[in-house]
């Protein structure tokens, strides 16, 4: 875990120290948003760049990968909300990056079992959601990659799905009607062909065919739904 956490360079550390030395009454979440502070701006970029790199362009909550040359698609993420716990604002264990959708959904929602904590929890048992640095993701959530559906394996997985809005991947199908029996049959036949395929060329060709049929089926299902709405 330690290799995942940011180690501040001298200049950034001085900025962090200057914040940590503030009186508790002066620490607040709004401090993070001071765009006129050049040193703070550079510190935030260091944080973002570090976690994008060590996370391999992967959001720790939805596990979607977004490899881009700029970091504008990522948000610096305070696992414990900085507005409620400004004392943890620059604690490496409380930092990561997440996709904008997860960050927006999570917002300032509580993630701690004890909301009155004064010190930064370093035990995964203290968190209601999957902690990007302390937890092993697949022990709490199973992802059906074919549909990007998230299955909670325990209460922590369920809480993560709810807090980070991961049901949004399922909601995109609400405007779809029933899949036709012809499409279902064709996918079934292709699946049988895939199971009996003996070469990589066959397997990948059949997979491509299944993908085409699935997309065609989704288009027909959506068209059917629109027709029903217009009746």
C-alpha atoms as a PDB file:
ATOM      1  CA  UNK A   1       0.000   0.000   0.000  1.00  0.00           C
ATOM      2  CA  UNK A   2       2.769   2.475   0.905  1.00  0.00           C
ATOM      3  CA  UNK A   3       3.985   2.653  -2.720  1.00  0.00           C
ATOM      4  CA  UNK A   4       0.507   3.857  -3.736  1.00  0.00           C
ATOM      5  CA  UNK A   5       0.527   6.832  -1.385  1.00  0.00           C
ATOM      6  CA  UNK A   6       1.990  10.130  -2.502  1.00  0.00           C
ATOM      7  CA  UNK A   7       5.307  11.250  -1.037  1.00  0.00           C
ATOM      8  CA  UNK A   8       5.416  15.030  -1.295  1.00  0.00           C
ATOM      9  CA  UNK A   9       8.459  16.801  -2.685  1.00  0.00           C
ATOM     10  CA  UNK A  10      10.041  19.473  -0.486  1.00  0.00           C
ATOM     11  CA  UNK A  11       8.063  22.378  -1.914  1.00  0.00           C
ATOM     12  CA  UNK A  12       4.728  20.569  -1.738  1.00  0.00           C
ATOM     13  CA  UNK A  13       5.496  19.342   1.772  1.00  0.00           C
ATOM     14  CA  UNK A  14       6.074  22.905   2.938  1.00  0.00           C
ATOM     15  CA  UNK A  15       2.661  23.859   1.597  1.00  0.00           C
ATOM     16  CA  UNK A  16       1.075  20.869   3.336  1.00  0.00           C
ATOM     17  CA  UNK A  17       2.840  21.743   6.575  1.00  0.00           C
ATOM     18  CA  UNK A  18       1.664  25.342   6.394  1.00  0.00           C
ATOM     19  CA  UNK A  19      -1.924  24.100   6.145  1.00  0.00           C
ATOM     20  CA  UNK A  20      -1.557  21.514   8.900  1.00  0.00           C
ATOM     21  CA  UNK A  21      -0.128  24.176  11.204  1.00  0.00           C
ATOM     22  CA  UNK A  22      -3.258  26.282  10.903  1.00  0.00           C
ATOM     23  CA  UNK A  23      -5.584  26.408  13.860  1.00  0.00           C
ATOM     24  CA  UNK A  24      -8.420  23.901  13.531  1.00  0.00           C
ATOM     25  CA  UNK A  25     -10.885  26.760  13.276  1.00  0.00           C
ATOM     26  CA  UNK A  26      -9.074  27.961  10.144  1.00  0.00           C
ATOM     27  CA  UNK A  27      -9.096  24.612   8.352  1.00  0.00           C
ATOM     28  CA  UNK A  28     -12.008  24.180   5.987  1.00  0.00           C
ATOM     29  CA  UNK A  29     -12.885  22.446   2.742  1.00  0.00           C
ATOM     30  CA  UNK A  30     -12.989  25.745   0.853  1.00  0.00           C
ATOM     31  CA  UNK A  31      -9.225  26.053   1.272  1.00  0.00           C
ATOM     32  CA  UNK A  32      -8.867  23.465  -1.510  1.00  0.00           C
ATOM     33  CA  UNK A  33     -10.707  25.685  -3.995  1.00  0.00           C
ATOM     34  CA  UNK A  34      -8.425  28.742  -3.786  1.00  0.00           C
ATOM     35  CA  UNK A  35      -7.351  28.990  -7.451  1.00  0.00           C
ATOM     36  CA  UNK A  36      -5.323  32.142  -6.775  1.00  0.00           C
ATOM     37  CA  UNK A  37      -2.818  30.239  -4.619  1.00  0.00           C
ATOM     38  CA  UNK A  38      -0.110  29.107  -7.069  1.00  0.00           C
ATOM     39  CA  UNK A  39       1.622  26.799  -4.572  1.00  0.00           C
ATOM     40  CA  UNK A  40      -1.691  25.123  -3.786  1.00  0.00           C
ATOM     41  CA  UNK A  41      -2.436  24.760  -7.490  1.00  0.00           C
ATOM     42  CA  UNK A  42       0.918  23.026  -8.051  1.00  0.00           C
ATOM     43  CA  UNK A  43       0.361  20.805  -5.019  1.00  0.00           C
ATOM     44  CA  UNK A  44      -3.047  19.711  -6.296  1.00  0.00           C
ATOM     45  CA  UNK A  45      -1.543  18.896  -9.701  1.00  0.00           C
ATOM     46  CA  UNK A  46       1.153  16.786  -8.025  1.00  0.00           C
ATOM     47  CA  UNK A  47      -1.532  14.882  -6.126  1.00  0.00           C
ATOM     48  CA  UNK A  48      -3.610  14.309  -9.225  1.00  0.00           C
ATOM     49  CA  UNK A  49      -0.704  13.268 -11.427  1.00  0.00           C
ATOM     50  CA  UNK A  50       0.593  10.844  -8.799  1.00  0.00           C
ATOM     51  CA  UNK A  51      -2.659   8.990  -8.224  1.00  0.00           C
ATOM     52  CA  UNK A  52      -3.581   8.859 -11.910  1.00  0.00           C
ATOM     53  CA  UNK A  53      -0.244   7.156 -12.495  1.00  0.00           C
ATOM     54  CA  UNK A  54      -0.284   4.682  -9.575  1.00  0.00           C
ATOM     55  CA  UNK A  55      -3.948   3.817 -10.188  1.00  0.00           C
ATOM     56  CA  UNK A  56      -3.192   3.092 -13.833  1.00  0.00           C
ATOM     57  CA  UNK A  57      -5.913   5.476 -15.098  1.00  0.00           C
ATOM     58  CA  UNK A  58      -8.492   3.381 -13.212  1.00  0.00           C
ATOM     59  CA  UNK A  59     -11.295   4.777 -11.064  1.00  0.00           C
ATOM     60  CA  UNK A  60     -11.185   3.014  -7.671  1.00  0.00           C
ATOM     61  CA  UNK A  61     -14.973   2.919  -7.356  1.00  0.00           C
ATOM     62  CA  UNK A  62     -16.411   1.986 -10.770  1.00  0.00           C
ATOM     63  CA  UNK A  63     -13.150   0.467 -12.095  1.00  0.00           C
ATOM     64  CA  UNK A  64     -13.543   2.193 -15.453  1.00  0.00           C
ATOM     65  CA  UNK A  65     -10.307   2.999 -17.265  1.00  0.00           C
ATOM     66  CA  UNK A  66      -9.793   6.343 -18.971  1.00  0.00           C
ATOM     67  CA  UNK A  67      -6.373   6.797 -20.537  1.00  0.00           C
ATOM     68  CA  UNK A  68      -5.987  10.405 -21.674  1.00  0.00           C
ATOM     69  CA  UNK A  69      -3.032  12.754 -22.009  1.00  0.00           C
ATOM     70  CA  UNK A  70      -4.610  15.471 -19.850  1.00  0.00           C
ATOM     71  CA  UNK A  71      -5.976  14.949 -16.354  1.00  0.00           C
ATOM     72  CA  UNK A  72      -9.148  16.990 -16.752  1.00  0.00           C
ATOM     73  CA  UNK A  73     -11.350  13.885 -16.813  1.00  0.00           C
ATOM     74  CA  UNK A  74     -10.231  13.012 -13.279  1.00  0.00           C
ATOM     75  CA  UNK A  75     -11.132  14.566  -9.953  1.00  0.00           C
ATOM     76  CA  UNK A  76      -8.818  14.602  -6.966  1.00  0.00           C
ATOM     77  CA  UNK A  77     -10.782  12.558  -4.460  1.00  0.00           C
ATOM     78  CA  UNK A  78     -10.914  12.948  -0.689  1.00  0.00           C
ATOM     79  CA  UNK A  79     -12.091   9.551   0.491  1.00  0.00           C
ATOM     80  CA  UNK A  80     -13.301  11.091   3.750  1.00  0.00           C
ATOM     81  CA  UNK A  81     -14.987  14.355   2.618  1.00  0.00           C
ATOM     82  CA  UNK A  82     -12.767  17.389   3.096  1.00  0.00           C
ATOM     83  CA  UNK A  83     -15.733  19.602   3.939  1.00  0.00           C
ATOM     84  CA  UNK A  84     -16.584  17.543   7.018  1.00  0.00           C
ATOM     85  CA  UNK A  85     -13.013  16.539   7.911  1.00  0.00           C
ATOM     86  CA  UNK A  86     -10.690  19.319   6.670  1.00  0.00           C
ATOM     87  CA  UNK A  87      -7.946  18.062   8.985  1.00  0.00           C
ATOM     88  CA  UNK A  88      -7.417  15.104   6.605  1.00  0.00           C
ATOM     89  CA  UNK A  89      -7.241  17.258   3.456  1.00  0.00           C
ATOM     90  CA  UNK A  90      -3.651  16.422   2.499  1.00  0.00           C
ATOM     91  CA  UNK A  91      -3.255  13.053   4.236  1.00  0.00           C
ATOM     92  CA  UNK A  92      -1.940  10.678   1.538  1.00  0.00           C
ATOM     93  CA  UNK A  93      -4.127   7.822   2.833  1.00  0.00           C
ATOM     94  CA  UNK A  94      -7.194   9.980   2.316  1.00  0.00           C
ATOM     95  CA  UNK A  95      -6.347  10.895  -1.282  1.00  0.00           C
ATOM     96  CA  UNK A  96      -6.796   9.280  -4.674  1.00  0.00           C
ATOM     97  CA  UNK A  97      -8.405  10.217  -7.997  1.00  0.00           C
ATOM     98  CA  UNK A  98     -11.810   9.136  -9.234  1.00  0.00           C
ATOM     99  CA  UNK A  99     -13.884   9.646 -12.352  1.00  0.00           C
ATOM    100  CA  UNK A 100     -16.110  12.711 -12.272  1.00  0.00           C
ATOM    101  CA  UNK A 101     -19.316  10.665 -12.156  1.00  0.00           C
ATOM    102  CA  UNK A 102     -18.267   8.730  -9.036  1.00  0.00           C
ATOM    103  CA  UNK A 103     -16.870  11.857  -7.393  1.00  0.00           C
ATOM    104  CA  UNK A 104     -20.053  13.810  -8.021  1.00  0.00           C
ATOM    105  CA  UNK A 105     -22.275  10.978  -6.786  1.00  0.00           C
ATOM    106  CA  UNK A 106     -20.159  10.428  -3.669  1.00  0.00           C
ATOM    107  CA  UNK A 107     -19.903  14.148  -2.881  1.00  0.00           C
ATOM    108  CA  UNK A 108     -19.950  14.686   0.905  1.00  0.00           C
ATOM    109  CA  UNK A 109     -21.679  11.431   1.846  1.00  0.00           C
ATOM    110  CA  UNK A 110     -20.499   9.830   5.047  1.00  0.00           C
ATOM    111  CA  UNK A 111     -18.037   6.943   4.624  1.00  0.00           C
ATOM    112  CA  UNK A 112     -17.085   6.355   8.270  1.00  0.00           C
ATOM    113  CA  UNK A 113     -18.648   4.044  10.824  1.00  0.00           C
ATOM    114  CA  UNK A 114     -17.788   6.626  13.466  1.00  0.00           C
ATOM    115  CA  UNK A 115     -18.661  10.111  12.240  1.00  0.00           C
ATOM    116  CA  UNK A 116     -16.957  11.703  15.230  1.00  0.00           C
ATOM    117  CA  UNK A 117     -13.440  10.522  14.407  1.00  0.00           C
ATOM    118  CA  UNK A 118     -10.704  12.995  15.286  1.00  0.00           C
ATOM    119  CA  UNK A 119      -7.785  10.999  13.850  1.00  0.00           C
ATOM    120  CA  UNK A 120      -7.475   9.537  10.369  1.00  0.00           C
ATOM    121  CA  UNK A 121      -8.631   5.888  10.387  1.00  0.00           C
ATOM    122  CA  UNK A 122      -6.025   3.516   8.965  1.00  0.00           C
ATOM    123  CA  UNK A 123      -8.051   0.330   9.485  1.00  0.00           C
ATOM    124  CA  UNK A 124     -10.332  -0.772   6.660  1.00  0.00           C
ATOM    125  CA  UNK A 125     -12.920  -1.865   9.215  1.00  0.00           C
ATOM    126  CA  UNK A 126     -13.525   1.792  10.067  1.00  0.00           C
ATOM    127  CA  UNK A 127     -14.944   2.535   6.607  1.00  0.00           C
ATOM    128  CA  UNK A 128     -18.452   1.926   5.297  1.00  0.00           C
ATOM    129  CA  UNK A 129     -17.299   1.855   1.672  1.00  0.00           C
ATOM    130  CA  UNK A 130     -14.445   0.164  -0.158  1.00  0.00           C
ATOM    131  CA  UNK A 131     -11.292   2.127   0.650  1.00  0.00           C
ATOM    132  CA  UNK A 132      -9.091   2.552  -2.458  1.00  0.00           C
ATOM    133  CA  UNK A 133      -5.899   1.840  -0.499  1.00  0.00           C
ATOM    134  CA  UNK A 134      -7.005  -0.469   2.318  1.00  0.00           C
ATOM    135  CA  UNK A 135      -9.548  -2.819   0.745  1.00  0.00           C
ATOM    136  CA  UNK A 136      -9.374  -5.485  -1.965  1.00  0.00           C
ATOM    137  CA  UNK A 137     -12.140  -4.490  -4.374  1.00  0.00           C
ATOM    138  CA  UNK A 138     -13.218  -7.911  -5.656  1.00  0.00           C
ATOM    139  CA  UNK A 139     -13.820  -9.140  -2.119  1.00  0.00           C
ATOM    140  CA  UNK A 140     -16.702  -6.699  -1.855  1.00  0.00           C
ATOM    141  CA  UNK A 141     -18.038  -6.198  -5.395  1.00  0.00           C
ATOM    142  CA  UNK A 142     -18.244  -8.449  -8.430  1.00  0.00           C
ATOM    143  CA  UNK A 143     -18.495  -6.679 -11.781  1.00  0.00           C
ATOM    144  CA  UNK A 144     -20.293  -8.283 -14.692  1.00  0.00           C
ATOM    145  CA  UNK A 145     -18.060  -6.790 -17.377  1.00  0.00           C
ATOM    146  CA  UNK A 146     -20.492  -7.705 -20.131  1.00  0.00           C
ATOM    147  CA  UNK A 147     -23.058  -5.275 -18.761  1.00  0.00           C
ATOM    148  CA  UNK A 148     -21.115  -3.197 -16.231  1.00  0.00           C
ATOM    149  CA  UNK A 149     -23.460  -4.367 -13.504  1.00  0.00           C
ATOM    150  CA  UNK A 150     -22.092  -4.270  -9.972  1.00  0.00           C
ATOM    151  CA  UNK A 151     -23.025  -7.085  -7.599  1.00  0.00           C
ATOM    152  CA  UNK A 152     -22.448  -6.365  -3.890  1.00  0.00           C
ATOM    153  CA  UNK A 153     -20.824  -9.258  -2.038  1.00  0.00           C
ATOM    154  CA  UNK A 154     -21.243  -7.702   1.421  1.00  0.00           C
ATOM    155  CA  UNK A 155     -22.485  -4.565   3.177  1.00  0.00           C
ATOM    156  CA  UNK A 156     -19.356  -2.604   2.217  1.00  0.00           C
ATOM    157  CA  UNK A 157     -19.904  -3.443  -1.450  1.00  0.00           C
ATOM    158  CA  UNK A 158     -23.570  -2.406  -1.185  1.00  0.00           C
ATOM    159  CA  UNK A 159     -22.630   0.878   0.467  1.00  0.00           C
ATOM    160  CA  UNK A 160     -20.010   1.624  -2.208  1.00  0.00           C
ATOM    161  CA  UNK A 161     -22.531   0.984  -4.989  1.00  0.00           C
ATOM    162  CA  UNK A 162     -25.015   3.338  -3.347  1.00  0.00           C
ATOM    163  CA  UNK A 163     -22.584   6.068  -2.254  1.00  0.00           C
ATOM    164  CA  UNK A 164     -20.748   6.231  -5.607  1.00  0.00           C
ATOM    165  CA  UNK A 165     -23.875   5.941  -7.751  1.00  0.00           C
ATOM    166  CA  UNK A 166     -22.743   2.787  -9.549  1.00  0.00           C
ATOM    167  CA  UNK A 167     -26.326   1.888 -10.450  1.00  0.00           C
ATOM    168  CA  UNK A 168     -25.997   4.541 -13.167  1.00  0.00           C
ATOM    169  CA  UNK A 169     -24.540   1.822 -15.411  1.00  0.00           C
ATOM    170  CA  UNK A 170     -27.817  -0.076 -15.111  1.00  0.00           C
ATOM    171  CA  UNK A 171     -30.088   2.958 -15.484  1.00  0.00           C
ATOM    172  CA  UNK A 172     -29.025   3.476 -19.096  1.00  0.00           C
ATOM    173  CA  UNK A 173     -31.182   0.470 -20.020  1.00  0.00           C
ATOM    174  CA  UNK A 174     -34.450   1.870 -18.637  1.00  0.00           C
ATOM    175  CA  UNK A 175     -35.405   3.161 -22.077  1.00  0.00           C
ATOM    176  CA  UNK A 176     -35.138  -0.294 -23.656  1.00  0.00           C
ATOM    177  CA  UNK A 177     -38.023  -2.615 -24.442  1.00  0.00           C
ATOM    178  CA  UNK A 178     -37.989  -6.411 -24.490  1.00  0.00           C
ATOM    179  CA  UNK A 179     -35.392  -8.162 -26.648  1.00  0.00           C
ATOM    180  CA  UNK A 180     -36.988 -10.061 -29.521  1.00  0.00           C
ATOM    181  CA  UNK A 181     -37.066 -13.862 -29.421  1.00  0.00           C
ATOM    182  CA  UNK A 182     -35.222 -13.950 -32.760  1.00  0.00           C
ATOM    183  CA  UNK A 183     -32.283 -12.050 -31.311  1.00  0.00           C
ATOM    184  CA  UNK A 184     -32.244 -14.283 -28.216  1.00  0.00           C
ATOM    185  CA  UNK A 185     -32.189 -17.404 -30.379  1.00  0.00           C
ATOM    186  CA  UNK A 186     -29.415 -16.069 -32.608  1.00  0.00           C
ATOM    187  CA  UNK A 187     -27.250 -15.217 -29.574  1.00  0.00           C
ATOM    188  CA  UNK A 188     -27.926 -18.691 -28.156  1.00  0.00           C
ATOM    189  CA  UNK A 189     -26.808 -20.365 -31.378  1.00  0.00           C
ATOM    190  CA  UNK A 190     -23.682 -18.225 -31.597  1.00  0.00           C
ATOM    191  CA  UNK A 191     -22.882 -19.071 -27.976  1.00  0.00           C
ATOM    192  CA  UNK A 192     -23.033 -22.769 -28.810  1.00  0.00           C
ATOM    193  CA  UNK A 193     -20.724 -22.165 -31.761  1.00  0.00           C
ATOM    194  CA  UNK A 194     -18.330 -20.284 -29.484  1.00  0.00           C
ATOM    195  CA  UNK A 195     -18.187 -23.158 -27.002  1.00  0.00           C
ATOM    196  CA  UNK A 196     -17.291 -25.629 -29.760  1.00  0.00           C
ATOM    197  CA  UNK A 197     -14.811 -23.329 -31.545  1.00  0.00           C
ATOM    198  CA  UNK A 198     -11.303 -24.760 -31.698  1.00  0.00           C
ATOM    199  CA  UNK A 199      -9.149 -21.896 -32.981  1.00  0.00           C
ATOM    200  CA  UNK A 200      -8.535 -18.323 -31.906  1.00  0.00           C
ATOM    201  CA  UNK A 201      -9.703 -17.061 -35.301  1.00  0.00           C
ATOM    202  CA  UNK A 202     -13.034 -18.858 -34.911  1.00  0.00           C
ATOM    203  CA  UNK A 203     -13.503 -17.672 -31.336  1.00  0.00           C
ATOM    204  CA  UNK A 204     -12.826 -14.041 -32.100  1.00  0.00           C
ATOM    205  CA  UNK A 205     -14.954 -14.050 -35.243  1.00  0.00           C
ATOM    206  CA  UNK A 206     -17.898 -15.526 -33.323  1.00  0.00           C
ATOM    207  CA  UNK A 207     -17.399 -13.018 -30.504  1.00  0.00           C
ATOM    208  CA  UNK A 208     -17.518 -10.208 -33.063  1.00  0.00           C
ATOM    209  CA  UNK A 209     -20.738 -11.679 -34.474  1.00  0.00           C
ATOM    210  CA  UNK A 210     -22.265 -11.880 -30.985  1.00  0.00           C
ATOM    211  CA  UNK A 211     -21.311  -8.244 -30.397  1.00  0.00           C
ATOM    212  CA  UNK A 212     -23.007  -7.195 -33.641  1.00  0.00           C
ATOM    213  CA  UNK A 213     -26.166  -9.159 -32.796  1.00  0.00           C
ATOM    214  CA  UNK A 214     -26.257  -7.685 -29.284  1.00  0.00           C
ATOM    215  CA  UNK A 215     -25.963  -4.126 -30.588  1.00  0.00           C
ATOM    216  CA  UNK A 216     -28.627  -4.799 -33.215  1.00  0.00           C
ATOM    217  CA  UNK A 217     -30.875  -6.311 -30.551  1.00  0.00           C
ATOM    218  CA  UNK A 218     -30.445  -3.272 -28.295  1.00  0.00           C
ATOM    219  CA  UNK A 219     -31.345  -0.941 -31.163  1.00  0.00           C
ATOM    220  CA  UNK A 220     -34.503  -2.925 -31.910  1.00  0.00           C
ATOM    221  CA  UNK A 221     -35.432  -3.014 -28.208  1.00  0.00           C
ATOM    222  CA  UNK A 222     -35.013   0.738 -27.897  1.00  0.00           C
ATOM    223  CA  UNK A 223     -37.054   1.338 -31.050  1.00  0.00           C
ATOM    224  CA  UNK A 224     -39.802  -0.911 -29.684  1.00  0.00           C
ATOM    225  CA  UNK A 225     -39.850   1.064 -26.441  1.00  0.00           C
ATOM    226  CA  UNK A 226     -40.147   4.376 -28.334  1.00  0.00           C
ATOM    227  CA  UNK A 227     -43.050   2.964 -30.423  1.00  0.00           C
ATOM    228  CA  UNK A 228     -44.937   2.034 -27.236  1.00  0.00           C
ATOM    229  CA  UNK A 229     -44.454   5.530 -25.864  1.00  0.00           C
ATOM    230  CA  UNK A 230     -45.875   7.035 -29.046  1.00  0.00           C
ATOM    231  CA  UNK A 231     -49.017   4.885 -29.033  1.00  0.00           C
END
